[in-house]
Amino acid sequence: MVDTLIKYLKKLLLWFFCFTFLWVLAYRFINPPFTYLMISRAFERKFDGKSWKIDKEWRDFDDISLNLKKAVIGAEDARFLSHNGFDFDALGKAYQKNKAGKKIRGGSTISQQTAKNVFLWPGRSYIRKGFEAYFTILIELLWSKQRIMEVYLNVIEMGDGIYGAEAATQKYYHKSCKSLLKGEAALLAAVLPNPRKWTPANPTNYIYRRQSIIRRNMAALGTLNF
């Protein structure tokens, strides 16, 4: 009985690995059409009596402003181009501050956020975190940093029913994301921690302070070598 169970578990794990490997590999070349978060948010809107809304428009890597790439790196993941998916220094600092009871954001990298946004459901359970780590390893192995950034900037939530850089830029600045100025890009990046609470259309003093910090981080990055 035990041997049979182990045999089935091994087969299940093999099928899981083969499926997820091919899924991630496919998205190296195929743009994700939607994410679990997009669908769940749209249903939340319907339940609240609002219209179904998934506002997104894919833009290739070269059609996204360098300013926005620098802004999200400066805001979310300063070591994005040098780490292998995990920034253990940032995770350690987040753990220590959380332990001390300070309210901060987590230490997730852009790679981890991309893995979560594209392949998983929202949540904070250890099981989801485990899957997040697994998919982060896969995208770091199978995708380039350029592809990770491209996908991240096209699927990330940037407002109520708004996903990706192009939809957000059209909404807030009425132009293409290729034309984003430094200040505009920094303001978009400043609201990423909670894009349904904060908006570039009506920034709080806290968001303006974040924008200033991000601008300084952008200047310190120098040339980005994807």
Protein backbone atom coordinates (compact mmCIF):
# COMPACT_ATOMS: atom_id res chain seq x y z
CA MET A 1 0.00 0.00 0.00
CA VAL A 2 2.72 2.45 0.99
CA ASP A 3 4.82 1.50 -2.03
CA THR A 4 1.84 2.08 -4.33
CA LEU A 5 1.17 5.48 -2.78
CA ILE A 6 4.81 6.49 -3.19
CA LYS A 7 4.70 5.34 -6.81
CA TYR A 8 1.63 7.50 -7.54
CA LEU A 9 3.14 10.48 -5.74
CA LYS A 10 6.29 10.21 -7.85
CA LYS A 11 4.19 10.11 -11.01
CA LEU A 12 2.15 13.07 -9.83
CA LEU A 13 5.28 15.11 -9.10
CA LEU A 14 6.73 14.21 -12.50
CA TRP A 15 3.56 15.27 -14.29
CA PHE A 16 3.45 18.49 -12.24
CA PHE A 17 7.04 19.31 -13.11
CA CYS A 18 6.56 18.55 -16.83
CA PHE A 19 3.37 20.63 -17.02
CA THR A 20 4.74 23.64 -15.16
CA PHE A 21 8.07 23.51 -17.02
CA LEU A 22 6.28 23.59 -20.38
CA TRP A 23 3.88 26.29 -19.14
CA VAL A 24 6.71 28.59 -18.10
CA LEU A 25 8.67 27.79 -21.27
CA ALA A 26 5.65 28.65 -23.42
CA TYR A 27 5.32 32.06 -21.75
CA ARG A 28 8.89 32.79 -22.73
CA PHE A 29 7.51 33.22 -26.27
CA ILE A 30 3.75 33.69 -25.76
CA ASN A 31 2.37 36.70 -23.91
CA PRO A 32 0.10 35.67 -20.99
CA PRO A 33 -3.47 36.48 -22.10
CA PHE A 34 -4.73 37.03 -18.53
CA THR A 35 -3.92 36.20 -14.91
CA TYR A 36 -5.85 34.76 -11.97
CA LEU A 37 -5.74 38.19 -10.31
CA MET A 38 -7.29 39.91 -13.33
CA ILE A 39 -10.20 37.45 -13.40
CA SER A 40 -10.77 37.49 -9.64
CA ARG A 41 -10.72 41.31 -9.51
CA ALA A 42 -13.21 41.47 -12.38
CA PHE A 43 -15.57 39.15 -10.53
CA GLU A 44 -15.14 41.26 -7.38
CA ARG A 45 -16.28 44.29 -9.40
CA LYS A 46 -19.34 42.39 -10.64
CA PHE A 47 -20.24 41.32 -7.10
CA ASP A 48 -19.96 44.98 -6.06
CA GLY A 49 -22.42 46.00 -8.76
CA LYS A 50 -19.77 47.45 -11.07
CA SER A 51 -19.05 46.61 -14.70
CA TRP A 52 -16.65 43.85 -15.75
CA LYS A 53 -13.28 45.52 -16.33
CA ILE A 54 -9.89 44.20 -17.39
CA ASP A 55 -8.14 47.16 -19.01
CA LYS A 56 -4.81 46.04 -20.50
CA GLU A 57 -2.77 46.50 -23.66
CA TRP A 58 0.46 44.58 -24.22
CA ARG A 59 3.62 46.48 -25.08
CA ASP A 60 6.91 44.87 -26.08
CA PHE A 61 10.01 45.53 -24.00
CA ASP A 62 11.43 48.16 -26.38
CA ASP A 63 8.11 50.02 -26.44
CA ILE A 64 8.16 50.63 -22.69
CA SER A 65 9.97 53.70 -21.38
CA LEU A 66 13.40 53.14 -19.88
CA ASN A 67 12.29 55.58 -17.19
CA LEU A 68 9.59 53.16 -16.04
CA LYS A 69 12.01 50.21 -16.00
CA LYS A 70 14.37 52.22 -13.81
CA ALA A 71 11.49 53.41 -11.64
CA VAL A 72 10.20 49.94 -10.78
CA ILE A 73 13.71 48.65 -10.14
CA GLY A 74 14.39 51.67 -7.94
CA ALA A 75 11.12 51.18 -6.09
CA GLU A 76 10.80 47.40 -5.89
CA ASP A 77 14.06 45.57 -6.47
CA ALA A 78 17.40 47.39 -6.68
CA ARG A 79 19.34 44.14 -7.29
CA PHE A 80 17.01 42.84 -10.00
CA LEU A 81 19.70 42.54 -12.66
CA SER A 82 22.23 40.84 -10.40
CA HIS A 83 20.27 38.35 -8.28
CA ASN A 84 18.96 34.94 -9.35
CA GLY A 85 15.38 35.57 -8.36
CA PHE A 86 15.76 36.08 -4.61
CA ASP A 87 17.27 38.97 -2.67
CA PHE A 88 18.12 37.32 0.64
CA ASP A 89 19.50 40.55 2.08
CA ALA A 90 16.16 42.30 1.47
CA LEU A 91 14.28 39.30 2.84
CA GLY A 92 16.41 39.35 5.98
CA LYS A 93 15.80 43.05 6.54
CA ALA A 94 12.06 42.60 5.98
CA TYR A 95 11.98 39.74 8.47
CA GLN A 96 13.82 41.72 11.15
CA LYS A 97 11.57 44.77 10.74
CA ASN A 98 8.42 42.65 10.73
CA LYS A 99 9.69 40.91 13.86
CA ALA A 100 10.13 44.30 15.49
CA GLY A 101 6.53 45.15 14.66
CA LYS A 102 7.29 47.77 12.04
CA LYS A 103 4.87 48.08 9.13
CA ILE A 104 6.78 47.60 5.90
CA ARG A 105 6.45 45.87 2.56
CA GLY A 106 7.79 42.38 2.01
CA GLY A 107 11.14 41.56 0.46
CA SER A 108 9.78 40.02 -2.75
CA THR A 109 11.80 40.64 -5.90
CA ILE A 110 10.39 41.58 -9.29
CA SER A 111 11.00 37.97 -10.34
CA GLN A 112 8.95 36.69 -7.39
CA GLN A 113 6.17 39.18 -8.06
CA THR A 114 6.09 38.15 -11.72
CA ALA A 115 5.89 34.46 -10.77
CA LYS A 116 3.04 35.21 -8.36
CA ASN A 117 1.13 37.48 -10.75
CA VAL A 118 1.35 35.21 -13.79
CA PHE A 119 1.12 31.68 -12.38
CA LEU A 120 -0.52 31.87 -8.95
CA TRP A 121 -3.39 33.20 -6.90
CA PRO A 122 -3.22 36.09 -4.40
CA GLY A 123 -2.55 35.18 -0.78
CA ARG A 124 0.01 34.89 1.97
CA SER A 125 -0.01 31.20 2.87
CA TYR A 126 3.19 29.18 3.15
CA ILE A 127 1.90 26.86 0.42
CA ARG A 128 1.51 29.74 -2.02
CA LYS A 129 4.92 31.07 -1.03
CA GLY A 130 6.39 27.66 -1.78
CA PHE A 131 4.85 27.63 -5.25
CA GLU A 132 6.03 31.22 -5.73
CA ALA A 133 9.62 30.19 -5.02
CA TYR A 134 9.30 27.23 -7.40
CA PHE A 135 7.97 29.35 -10.28
CA THR A 136 10.55 32.05 -9.56
CA ILE A 137 13.31 29.49 -10.06
CA LEU A 138 11.70 28.34 -13.32
CA ILE A 139 11.35 31.82 -14.84
CA GLU A 140 14.91 32.72 -13.84
CA LEU A 141 16.11 29.54 -15.58
CA LEU A 142 13.92 29.78 -18.68
CA TRP A 143 13.43 33.52 -19.23
CA SER A 144 15.87 36.38 -19.63
CA LYS A 145 15.80 39.35 -17.27
CA GLN A 146 14.43 41.34 -20.18
CA ARG A 147 11.50 38.95 -20.56
CA ILE A 148 10.80 38.98 -16.82
CA MET A 149 10.69 42.78 -16.85
CA GLU A 150 8.53 42.84 -19.99
CA VAL A 151 5.97 40.45 -18.52
CA TYR A 152 6.01 42.18 -15.13
CA LEU A 153 5.29 45.59 -16.64
CA ASN A 154 2.44 44.19 -18.73
CA VAL A 155 0.52 42.25 -16.09
CA ILE A 156 1.06 44.16 -12.85
CA GLU A 157 -2.03 45.72 -11.26
CA MET A 158 -1.91 49.51 -11.59
CA GLY A 159 -5.41 50.54 -10.59
CA ASP A 160 -8.98 49.30 -10.28
CA GLY A 161 -9.28 47.02 -13.31
CA ILE A 162 -6.11 48.48 -14.85
CA TYR A 163 -3.20 46.19 -15.66
CA GLY A 164 0.16 46.92 -17.22
CA ALA A 165 2.14 50.00 -18.09
CA GLU A 166 0.30 50.96 -21.28
CA ALA A 167 -3.21 50.88 -19.80
CA ALA A 168 -2.05 52.82 -16.74
CA THR A 169 -0.21 55.45 -18.76
CA GLN A 170 -3.18 55.93 -21.07
CA LYS A 171 -5.46 56.26 -18.03
CA TYR A 172 -3.37 58.67 -15.98
CA TYR A 173 -1.29 60.55 -18.58
CA HIS A 174 -3.26 60.06 -21.83
CA LYS A 175 -0.25 58.89 -23.83
CA SER A 176 1.82 55.81 -24.55
CA CYS A 177 4.06 54.31 -21.88
CA LYS A 178 6.98 54.71 -24.30
CA SER A 179 6.81 58.47 -23.67
CA LEU A 180 6.83 58.43 -19.85
CA LEU A 181 8.98 61.11 -18.24
CA LYS A 182 11.08 60.39 -15.15
CA GLY A 183 8.67 62.03 -12.72
CA GLU A 184 5.65 60.32 -14.26
CA ALA A 185 7.36 56.92 -14.15
CA ALA A 186 8.42 57.42 -10.53
CA LEU A 187 4.86 58.37 -9.57
CA LEU A 188 3.46 55.23 -11.21
CA ALA A 189 6.02 53.11 -9.37
CA ALA A 190 5.25 54.89 -6.09
CA VAL A 191 1.67 53.57 -6.00
CA LEU A 192 2.53 49.93 -6.82
CA PRO A 193 2.34 48.70 -3.20
CA ASN A 194 -1.41 49.41 -3.19
CA PRO A 195 -2.67 50.62 -6.60
CA ARG A 196 -6.33 50.35 -5.65
CA LYS A 197 -5.85 52.65 -2.64
CA TRP A 198 -3.35 55.10 -4.13
CA THR A 199 -3.46 56.74 -7.55
CA PRO A 200 -1.11 58.96 -9.58
CA ALA A 201 -4.17 61.08 -10.35
CA ASN A 202 -4.42 62.22 -6.71
CA PRO A 203 -1.11 61.56 -4.91
CA THR A 204 -0.87 61.91 -1.15
CA ASN A 205 2.10 63.52 0.56
CA TYR A 206 3.38 60.02 1.32
CA ILE A 207 3.26 59.11 -2.38
CA TYR A 208 5.11 62.29 -3.29
CA ARG A 209 7.82 61.37 -0.77
CA ARG A 210 8.06 57.91 -2.31
CA GLN A 211 8.30 59.49 -5.74
CA SER A 212 11.26 61.60 -4.60
CA ILE A 213 13.05 58.56 -3.16
CA ILE A 214 12.43 56.60 -6.34
CA ARG A 215 13.79 59.47 -8.45
CA ARG A 216 17.01 59.38 -6.43
CA ASN A 217 17.20 55.59 -6.77
CA MET A 218 16.70 55.90 -10.54
CA ALA A 219 19.60 58.33 -10.80
CA ALA A 220 21.83 55.97 -8.81
CA LEU A 221 21.12 52.98 -11.07
CA GLY A 222 23.11 54.22 -14.03
CA THR A 223 22.96 52.10 -17.21
CA LEU A 224 20.71 49.04 -17.17
CA ASN A 225 22.33 46.04 -18.84
CA PHE A 226 19.54 43.60 -19.65
